[in-house]
Amino acid sequence: LRIGDVFIADRATVMRENAFAFYERYDLGRRDAQEVPG
């Protein structure tokens, strides 16, 4: 399904990759973990 921009433009964000990969990249399971911003 291709979604029209107008229906999500004000409620969508984009991440560089899949959330699982993002989680592992920054080791977000650690208590003191922080993702690199940007």
All heavy atoms as atom14 arrays in JSON, in Angstrom:
{
  "sequence": "LRIGDVFIADRATVMRENAFAFYERYDLGRRDAQEVPG",
  "atom14_mask": [
    [1, 1, 1, 1, 1, 1, 1, 1, 0, 0, 0, 0, 0, 0],
    [1, 1, 1, 1, 1, 1, 1, 1, 1, 1, 1, 0, 0, 0],
    [1, 1, 1, 1, 1, 1, 1, 1, 0, 0, 0, 0, 0, 0],
    [1, 1, 1, 1, 0, 0, 0, 0, 0, 0, 0, 0, 0, 0],
    [1, 1, 1, 1, 1, 1, 1, 1, 0, 0, 0, 0, 0, 0],
    [1, 1, 1, 1, 1, 1, 1, 0, 0, 0, 0, 0, 0, 0],
    [1, 1, 1, 1, 1, 1, 1, 1, 1, 1, 1, 0, 0, 0],
    [1, 1, 1, 1, 1, 1, 1, 1, 0, 0, 0, 0, 0, 0],
    [1, 1, 1, 1, 1, 0, 0, 0, 0, 0, 0, 0, 0, 0],
    [1, 1, 1, 1, 1, 1, 1, 1, 0, 0, 0, 0, 0, 0],
    [1, 1, 1, 1, 1, 1, 1, 1, 1, 1, 1, 0, 0, 0],
    [1, 1, 1, 1, 1, 0, 0, 0, 0, 0, 0, 0, 0, 0],
    [1, 1, 1, 1, 1, 1, 1, 0, 0, 0, 0, 0, 0, 0],
    [1, 1, 1, 1, 1, 1, 1, 0, 0, 0, 0, 0, 0, 0],
    [1, 1, 1, 1, 1, 1, 1, 1, 0, 0, 0, 0, 0, 0],
    [1, 1, 1, 1, 1, 1, 1, 1, 1, 1, 1, 0, 0, 0],
    [1, 1, 1, 1, 1, 1, 1, 1, 1, 0, 0, 0, 0, 0],
    [1, 1, 1, 1, 1, 1, 1, 1, 0, 0, 0, 0, 0, 0],
    [1, 1, 1, 1, 1, 0, 0, 0, 0, 0, 0, 0, 0, 0],
    [1, 1, 1, 1, 1, 1, 1, 1, 1, 1, 1, 0, 0, 0],
    [1, 1, 1, 1, 1, 0, 0, 0, 0, 0, 0, 0, 0, 0],
    [1, 1, 1, 1, 1, 1, 1, 1, 1, 1, 1, 0, 0, 0],
    [1, 1, 1, 1, 1, 1, 1, 1, 1, 1, 1, 1, 0, 0],
    [1, 1, 1, 1, 1, 1, 1, 1, 1, 0, 0, 0, 0, 0],
    [1, 1, 1, 1, 1, 1, 1, 1, 1, 1, 1, 0, 0, 0],
    [1, 1, 1, 1, 1, 1, 1, 1, 1, 1, 1, 1, 0, 0],
    [1, 1, 1, 1, 1, 1, 1, 1, 0, 0, 0, 0, 0, 0],
    [1, 1, 1, 1, 1, 1, 1, 1, 0, 0, 0, 0, 0, 0],
    [1, 1, 1, 1, 0, 0, 0, 0, 0, 0, 0, 0, 0, 0],
    [1, 1, 1, 1, 1, 1, 1, 1, 1, 1, 1, 0, 0, 0],
    [1, 1, 1, 1, 1, 1, 1, 1, 1, 1, 1, 0, 0, 0],
    [1, 1, 1, 1, 1, 1, 1, 1, 0, 0, 0, 0, 0, 0],
    [1, 1, 1, 1, 1, 0, 0, 0, 0, 0, 0, 0, 0, 0],
    [1, 1, 1, 1, 1, 1, 1, 1, 1, 0, 0, 0, 0, 0],
    [1, 1, 1, 1, 1, 1, 1, 1, 1, 0, 0, 0, 0, 0],
    [1, 1, 1, 1, 1, 1, 1, 0, 0, 0, 0, 0, 0, 0],
    [1, 1, 1, 1, 1, 1, 1, 0, 0, 0, 0, 0, 0, 0],
    [1, 1, 1, 1, 0, 0, 0, 0, 0, 0, 0, 0, 0, 0]
  ],
  "atom14_positions": [
    [[0.85, -1.19, 0.0], [0.0, 0.0, 0.0], [0.88, 1.24, 0.0], [1.83, 1.32, 0.8], [-0.88, 0.05, 1.26], [-2.22, -0.67, 1.27], [-2.06, -2.15, 0.96], [-2.89, -0.48, 2.63], [0.0, 0.0, 0.0], [0.0, 0.0, 0.0], [0.0, 0.0, 0.0], [0.0, 0.0, 0.0], [0.0, 0.0, 0.0], [0.0, 0.0, 0.0]],
    [[0.6, 2.17, -0.89], [1.3, 3.45, -0.85], [0.37, 4.48, -0.22], [-0.77, 4.66, -0.65], [1.7, 3.91, -2.26], [2.54, 5.2, -2.23], [3.3, 5.39, -3.53], [2.41, 5.69, -4.63], [2.01, 6.91, -4.98], [2.42, 7.96, -4.29], [1.22, 7.08, -6.01], [0.0, 0.0, 0.0], [0.0, 0.0, 0.0], [0.0, 0.0, 0.0]],
    [[0.85, 5.13, 0.83], [0.04, 6.03, 1.63], [0.25, 7.47, 1.17], [1.38, 7.9, 0.92], [0.38, 5.89, 3.12], [0.25, 4.44, 3.56], [-0.5, 6.79, 3.98], [0.81, 4.15, 4.93], [0.0, 0.0, 0.0], [0.0, 0.0, 0.0], [0.0, 0.0, 0.0], [0.0, 0.0, 0.0], [0.0, 0.0, 0.0], [0.0, 0.0, 0.0]],
    [[-0.82, 8.22, 1.09], [-0.74, 9.63, 0.68], [-0.1, 10.49, 1.76], [-0.43, 10.37, 2.94], [0.0, 0.0, 0.0], [0.0, 0.0, 0.0], [0.0, 0.0, 0.0], [0.0, 0.0, 0.0], [0.0, 0.0, 0.0], [0.0, 0.0, 0.0], [0.0, 0.0, 0.0], [0.0, 0.0, 0.0], [0.0, 0.0, 0.0], [0.0, 0.0, 0.0]],
    [[0.78, 11.39, 1.35], [1.48, 12.26, 2.3], [0.54, 13.03, 3.2], [0.79, 13.17, 4.4], [2.35, 13.27, 1.54], [3.6, 12.65, 0.96], [3.68, 11.4, 0.93], [4.49, 13.41, 0.54], [0.0, 0.0, 0.0], [0.0, 0.0, 0.0], [0.0, 0.0, 0.0], [0.0, 0.0, 0.0], [0.0, 0.0, 0.0], [0.0, 0.0, 0.0]],
    [[-0.52, 13.55, 2.63], [-1.4, 14.43, 3.38], [-2.0, 13.75, 4.6], [-2.35, 14.4, 5.58], [-2.52, 14.98, 2.46], [-3.46, 13.87, 2.01], [-3.3, 16.09, 3.15], [0.0, 0.0, 0.0], [0.0, 0.0, 0.0], [0.0, 0.0, 0.0], [0.0, 0.0, 0.0], [0.0, 0.0, 0.0], [0.0, 0.0, 0.0], [0.0, 0.0, 0.0]],
    [[-2.11, 12.44, 4.56], [-2.75, 11.71, 5.65], [-1.79, 11.39, 6.81], [-2.24, 10.97, 7.88], [-3.35, 10.4, 5.13], [-4.44, 10.62, 4.13], [-4.18, 10.57, 2.76], [-5.73, 10.91, 4.54], [-5.19, 10.77, 1.84], [-6.74, 11.12, 3.61], [-6.47, 11.06, 2.26], [0.0, 0.0, 0.0], [0.0, 0.0, 0.0], [0.0, 0.0, 0.0]],
    [[-0.49, 11.59, 6.59], [0.46, 11.25, 7.65], [1.48, 12.33, 7.94], [2.25, 12.22, 8.89], [1.22, 9.95, 7.3], [2.02, 10.11, 6.0], [0.27, 8.77, 7.22], [2.99, 8.97, 5.75], [0.0, 0.0, 0.0], [0.0, 0.0, 0.0], [0.0, 0.0, 0.0], [0.0, 0.0, 0.0], [0.0, 0.0, 0.0], [0.0, 0.0, 0.0]],
    [[1.51, 13.39, 7.14], [2.57, 14.39, 7.26], [2.7, 14.98, 8.65], [3.8, 15.32, 9.08], [2.36, 15.5, 6.24], [0.0, 0.0, 0.0], [0.0, 0.0, 0.0], [0.0, 0.0, 0.0], [0.0, 0.0, 0.0], [0.0, 0.0, 0.0], [0.0, 0.0, 0.0], [0.0, 0.0, 0.0], [0.0, 0.0, 0.0], [0.0, 0.0, 0.0]],
    [[1.59, 15.1, 9.36], [1.63, 15.72, 10.69], [1.68, 14.7, 11.82], [1.59, 15.07, 12.99], [0.44, 16.66, 10.88], [-0.89, 15.94, 10.81], [-0.91, 14.75, 10.4], [-1.92, 16.55, 11.16], [0.0, 0.0, 0.0], [0.0, 0.0, 0.0], [0.0, 0.0, 0.0], [0.0, 0.0, 0.0], [0.0, 0.0, 0.0], [0.0, 0.0, 0.0]],
    [[1.84, 13.41, 11.48], [1.88, 12.39, 12.54], [2.87, 11.27, 12.25], [2.77, 10.19, 12.81], [0.49, 11.8, 12.78], [-0.16, 11.12, 11.57], [-1.6, 10.73, 11.85], [-2.25, 10.1, 10.71], [-2.52, 8.81, 10.63], [-2.21, 8.01, 11.64], [-3.13, 8.32, 9.57], [0.0, 0.0, 0.0], [0.0, 0.0, 0.0], [0.0, 0.0, 0.0]],
    [[3.83, 11.56, 11.39], [4.82, 10.54, 11.03], [6.24, 11.06, 11.23], [6.54, 12.23, 10.97], [4.64, 10.1, 9.58], [0.0, 0.0, 0.0], [0.0, 0.0, 0.0], [0.0, 0.0, 0.0], [0.0, 0.0, 0.0], [0.0, 0.0, 0.0], [0.0, 0.0, 0.0], [0.0, 0.0, 0.0], [0.0, 0.0, 0.0], [0.0, 0.0, 0.0]],
    [[7.1, 10.18, 11.72], [8.52, 10.46, 11.79], [9.26, 9.35, 11.05], [8.69, 8.3, 10.77], [9.02, 10.53, 13.24], [8.71, 9.31, 13.91], [8.37, 11.7, 13.98], [0.0, 0.0, 0.0], [0.0, 0.0, 0.0], [0.0, 0.0, 0.0], [0.0, 0.0, 0.0], [0.0, 0.0, 0.0], [0.0, 0.0, 0.0], [0.0, 0.0, 0.0]],
    [[10.51, 9.59, 10.75], [11.31, 8.63, 9.99], [12.6, 8.33, 10.75], [13.21, 9.24, 11.32], [11.63, 9.17, 8.59], [12.41, 8.14, 7.77], [10.35, 9.57, 7.85], [0.0, 0.0, 0.0], [0.0, 0.0, 0.0], [0.0, 0.0, 0.0], [0.0, 0.0, 0.0], [0.0, 0.0, 0.0], [0.0, 0.0, 0.0], [0.0, 0.0, 0.0]],
    [[12.99, 7.07, 10.74], [14.23, 6.63, 11.38], [15.15, 6.06, 10.31], [14.69, 5.53, 9.3], [13.89, 5.56, 12.43], [15.06, 5.0, 13.2], [14.51, 3.76, 14.42], [13.85, 4.85, 15.68], [0.0, 0.0, 0.0], [0.0, 0.0, 0.0], [0.0, 0.0, 0.0], [0.0, 0.0, 0.0], [0.0, 0.0, 0.0], [0.0, 0.0, 0.0]],
    [[16.42, 6.15, 10.52], [17.39, 5.73, 9.51], [17.27, 4.27, 9.12], [17.7, 3.88, 8.03], [18.81, 6.0, 10.01], [19.22, 5.14, 11.2], [20.57, 5.53, 11.79], [21.66, 5.35, 10.85], [22.92, 5.67, 11.14], [23.23, 6.16, 12.34], [23.87, 5.48, 10.25], [0.0, 0.0, 0.0], [0.0, 0.0, 0.0], [0.0, 0.0, 0.0]],
    [[16.68, 3.45, 9.99], [16.64, 2.01, 9.75], [15.5, 1.4, 10.56], [14.8, 2.09, 11.3], [17.97, 1.37, 10.16], [18.32, 1.6, 11.62], [19.8, 1.44, 11.91], [20.5, 0.81, 11.09], [20.25, 1.97, 12.94], [0.0, 0.0, 0.0], [0.0, 0.0, 0.0], [0.0, 0.0, 0.0], [0.0, 0.0, 0.0], [0.0, 0.0, 0.0]],
    [[15.34, 0.11, 10.43], [14.37, -0.65, 11.21], [14.64, -0.46, 12.7], [15.77, -0.38, 13.14], [14.49, -2.12, 10.81], [13.71, -3.03, 11.7], [14.26, -3.55, 12.67], [12.45, -3.23, 11.4], [0.0, 0.0, 0.0], [0.0, 0.0, 0.0], [0.0, 0.0, 0.0], [0.0, 0.0, 0.0], [0.0, 0.0, 0.0], [0.0, 0.0, 0.0]],
    [[13.55, -0.42, 13.5], [13.68, -0.16, 14.93], [14.56, -1.2, 15.63], [15.31, -0.86, 16.57], [12.31, -0.12, 15.59], [0.0, 0.0, 0.0], [0.0, 0.0, 0.0], [0.0, 0.0, 0.0], [0.0, 0.0, 0.0], [0.0, 0.0, 0.0], [0.0, 0.0, 0.0], [0.0, 0.0, 0.0], [0.0, 0.0, 0.0], [0.0, 0.0, 0.0]],
    [[14.5, -2.46, 15.21], [15.34, -3.49, 15.81], [16.82, -3.18, 15.57], [17.64, -3.29, 16.49], [15.0, -4.87, 15.25], [13.81, -5.54, 15.89], [12.53, -5.2, 15.52], [14.0, -6.49, 16.88], [11.43, -5.8, 16.12], [12.91, -7.11, 17.48], [11.61, -6.76, 17.1], [0.0, 0.0, 0.0], [0.0, 0.0, 0.0], [0.0, 0.0, 0.0]],
    [[17.16, -2.79, 14.35], [18.54, -2.45, 14.03], [18.99, -1.2, 14.78], [20.12, -1.11, 15.26], [18.7, -2.25, 12.52], [0.0, 0.0, 0.0], [0.0, 0.0, 0.0], [0.0, 0.0, 0.0], [0.0, 0.0, 0.0], [0.0, 0.0, 0.0], [0.0, 0.0, 0.0], [0.0, 0.0, 0.0], [0.0, 0.0, 0.0], [0.0, 0.0, 0.0]],
    [[18.09, -0.23, 14.9], [18.38, 1.0, 15.62], [18.64, 0.7, 17.09], [19.58, 1.22, 17.71], [17.19, 1.95, 15.46], [17.47, 3.38, 15.85], [18.07, 4.25, 14.97], [17.11, 3.85, 17.1], [18.32, 5.58, 15.32], [17.33, 5.16, 17.47], [17.95, 6.04, 16.58], [0.0, 0.0, 0.0], [0.0, 0.0, 0.0], [0.0, 0.0, 0.0]],
    [[17.81, -0.14, 17.67], [17.93, -0.56, 19.07], [19.29, -1.23, 19.3], [19.98, -0.94, 20.29], [16.79, -1.52, 19.39], [16.79, -2.11, 20.78], [16.11, -1.49, 21.83], [17.42, -3.33, 21.03], [16.09, -2.05, 23.1], [17.41, -3.9, 22.3], [16.74, -3.26, 23.33], [16.72, -3.82, 24.58], [0.0, 0.0, 0.0], [0.0, 0.0, 0.0]],
    [[19.67, -2.09, 18.39], [20.94, -2.8, 18.54], [22.14, -1.89, 18.28], [23.19, -2.01, 18.92], [20.97, -4.0, 17.61], [19.98, -5.09, 18.01], [19.82, -6.17, 16.95], [20.4, -6.02, 15.85], [19.12, -7.16, 17.23], [0.0, 0.0, 0.0], [0.0, 0.0, 0.0], [0.0, 0.0, 0.0], [0.0, 0.0, 0.0], [0.0, 0.0, 0.0]],
    [[22.0, -0.96, 17.34], [23.1, -0.05, 17.01], [23.53, 0.73, 18.24], [24.73, 0.92, 18.5], [22.66, 0.92, 15.91], [23.74, 1.94, 15.52], [23.19, 2.99, 14.58], [22.84, 2.46, 13.28], [23.68, 2.37, 12.25], [24.93, 2.75, 12.39], [23.26, 1.89, 11.1], [0.0, 0.0, 0.0], [0.0, 0.0, 0.0], [0.0, 0.0, 0.0]],
    [[22.56, 1.21, 19.03], [22.86, 2.04, 20.19], [22.72, 1.29, 21.51], [22.75, 1.92, 22.57], [21.97, 3.29, 20.17], [22.2, 4.13, 18.94], [21.2, 4.31, 18.0], [23.45, 4.7, 18.69], [21.41, 5.05, 16.85], [23.68, 5.44, 17.54], [22.67, 5.61, 16.62], [22.9, 6.34, 15.49], [0.0, 0.0, 0.0], [0.0, 0.0, 0.0]],
    [[22.58, -0.04, 21.43], [22.52, -0.87, 22.63], [21.52, -0.31, 23.63], [21.83, -0.14, 24.82], [23.91, -0.99, 23.26], [24.02, -2.18, 24.21], [23.09, -3.0, 24.25], [25.04, -2.26, 24.92], [0.0, 0.0, 0.0], [0.0, 0.0, 0.0], [0.0, 0.0, 0.0], [0.0, 0.0, 0.0], [0.0, 0.0, 0.0], [0.0, 0.0, 0.0]],
    [[20.31, -0.01, 23.15], [19.32, 0.68, 23.97], [18.76, -0.15, 25.11], [17.99, 0.35, 25.93], [18.18, 1.2, 23.08], [18.59, 2.24, 22.03], [17.37, 2.7, 21.23], [19.28, 3.43, 22.67], [0.0, 0.0, 0.0], [0.0, 0.0, 0.0], [0.0, 0.0, 0.0], [0.0, 0.0, 0.0], [0.0, 0.0, 0.0], [0.0, 0.0, 0.0]],
    [[19.15, -1.41, 25.2], [18.74, -2.22, 26.32], [19.51, -1.91, 27.59], [19.08, -2.3, 28.69], [0.0, 0.0, 0.0], [0.0, 0.0, 0.0], [0.0, 0.0, 0.0], [0.0, 0.0, 0.0], [0.0, 0.0, 0.0], [0.0, 0.0, 0.0], [0.0, 0.0, 0.0], [0.0, 0.0, 0.0], [0.0, 0.0, 0.0], [0.0, 0.0, 0.0]],
    [[20.63, -1.22, 27.46], [21.39, -0.82, 28.64], [20.67, 0.3, 29.37], [20.07, 1.18, 28.77], [22.78, -0.32, 28.25], [23.73, -1.38, 27.8], [25.18, -0.87, 27.77], [25.32, 0.55, 27.99], [25.59, 1.45, 27.04], [25.7, 1.04, 25.77], [25.74, 2.72, 27.33], [0.0, 0.0, 0.0], [0.0, 0.0, 0.0], [0.0, 0.0, 0.0]],
    [[20.78, 0.3, 30.69], [20.08, 1.3, 31.5], [20.56, 2.72, 31.19], [19.78, 3.67, 31.21], [20.29, 0.99, 32.99], [19.54, 1.91, 33.93], [19.63, 1.43, 35.36], [21.04, 1.29, 35.77], [21.41, 0.78, 36.93], [20.5, 0.33, 37.78], [22.71, 0.68, 37.24], [0.0, 0.0, 0.0], [0.0, 0.0, 0.0], [0.0, 0.0, 0.0]],
    [[21.85, 2.88, 30.89], [22.4, 4.21, 30.65], [22.57, 4.51, 29.16], [23.23, 5.49, 28.79], [23.75, 4.35, 31.35], [24.77, 3.32, 30.83], [24.35, 2.33, 30.19], [25.97, 3.51, 31.08], [0.0, 0.0, 0.0], [0.0, 0.0, 0.0], [0.0, 0.0, 0.0], [0.0, 0.0, 0.0], [0.0, 0.0, 0.0], [0.0, 0.0, 0.0]],
    [[21.96, 3.7, 28.31], [22.15, 3.86, 26.86], [21.45, 5.12, 26.34], [20.39, 5.52, 26.83], [21.62, 2.65, 26.12], [0.0, 0.0, 0.0], [0.0, 0.0, 0.0], [0.0, 0.0, 0.0], [0.0, 0.0, 0.0], [0.0, 0.0, 0.0], [0.0, 0.0, 0.0], [0.0, 0.0, 0.0], [0.0, 0.0, 0.0], [0.0, 0.0, 0.0]],
    [[22.06, 5.74, 25.35], [21.48, 6.89, 24.67], [21.75, 6.77, 23.18], [22.89, 6.47, 22.78], [22.06, 8.2, 25.2], [21.65, 8.55, 26.62], [22.15, 9.92, 27.02], [23.13, 10.42, 26.48], [21.46, 10.55, 27.95], [0.0, 0.0, 0.0], [0.0, 0.0, 0.0], [0.0, 0.0, 0.0], [0.0, 0.0, 0.0], [0.0, 0.0, 0.0]],
    [[20.75, 7.02, 22.38], [20.97, 7.02, 20.94], [21.74, 8.27, 20.54], [21.66, 9.31, 21.21], [19.64, 6.96, 20.19], [18.78, 8.19, 20.36], [17.44, 8.07, 19.64], [16.57, 7.37, 20.15], [17.31, 8.7, 18.57], [0.0, 0.0, 0.0], [0.0, 0.0, 0.0], [0.0, 0.0, 0.0], [0.0, 0.0, 0.0], [0.0, 0.0, 0.0]],
    [[22.48, 8.18, 19.47], [23.16, 9.35, 18.93], [22.11, 10.2, 18.21], [21.38, 9.69, 17.34], [24.27, 8.92, 17.95], [24.88, 10.14, 17.27], [25.33, 8.12, 18.68], [0.0, 0.0, 0.0], [0.0, 0.0, 0.0], [0.0, 0.0, 0.0], [0.0, 0.0, 0.0], [0.0, 0.0, 0.0], [0.0, 0.0, 0.0], [0.0, 0.0, 0.0]],
    [[21.97, 11.46, 18.56], [20.91, 12.29, 17.96], [21.18, 12.59, 16.49], [22.32, 12.52, 16.01], [20.95, 13.57, 18.81], [22.35, 13.62, 19.35], [22.76, 12.2, 19.56], [0.0, 0.0, 0.0], [0.0, 0.0, 0.0], [0.0, 0.0, 0.0], [0.0, 0.0, 0.0], [0.0, 0.0, 0.0], [0.0, 0.0, 0.0], [0.0, 0.0, 0.0]],
    [[20.1, 12.92, 15.8], [20.21, 13.33, 14.41], [19.9, 12.25, 13.41], [20.04, 12.45, 12.2], [0.0, 0.0, 0.0], [0.0, 0.0, 0.0], [0.0, 0.0, 0.0], [0.0, 0.0, 0.0], [0.0, 0.0, 0.0], [0.0, 0.0, 0.0], [0.0, 0.0, 0.0], [0.0, 0.0, 0.0], [0.0, 0.0, 0.0], [0.0, 0.0, 0.0]]
  ]
}
